[in-house]
Amino acid sequence: MLKDLTGITFGRLTVLRYHGKNKHNQILWECKCNCGNENNKFYISQLLLSGKTKSCGCIKKEPLEVYKVKLKNRLLKNSVKKESCIEWLGPFRKNFPHGVISVIYKGKKGNYQAHRISYWVNKGEIPEDLFVLHDCDNPKCINHEHLHLGTQKDNMHEMRTRFRAND
């Protein structure tokens, strides 16, 4: 028996009407996405009901600024304020003082240093040849107000002048 999905919303998709079956005998529904896409598309019942299909594809094409806002929220959700620092509580690489976060950065999905991602979402692009340095000398800190760009030479100079070297 066919369950009528007309009028039900799944993610950003609202079912308009039953369309029929595809060549694999799967039930198809005509849906409209609330993103404003004028082209209604047909979706398989099972994918709608399971939550695997939530939009016309617009979620994957989310504007960069919207993605950055979500990343800011993720960074804050996985951190705690300690004095003026915001310390990362998420995962760390073994034997490495900086936290990591899984994101899509410059078109590539991977694990990136959390303080670099904090700089990127709050202050802007990071040139390939520069490092993100901490004013506070706290490698767990992701507070963008404590972060600045510098070269490897700058990093070594700050390490010596702030007595961080392990001599």
Foldseek 3Di string as FASTA:
>chain_A
DDDDQAQPAQAQWHFHAWDAADPVRFTWTWIDGNVPPPDTDIDGPVCRVVSVDRGPCVVVVDDPLVVLVVLVVVQQVQWPDDPNFTFGNDDDDPPDQFHWDFDQDPNRTDIDGLLQSLLCSPPHDDDPQKDWDACVPRRRGNPNVRIDIDHVVVVVVCCVVVVVDPD
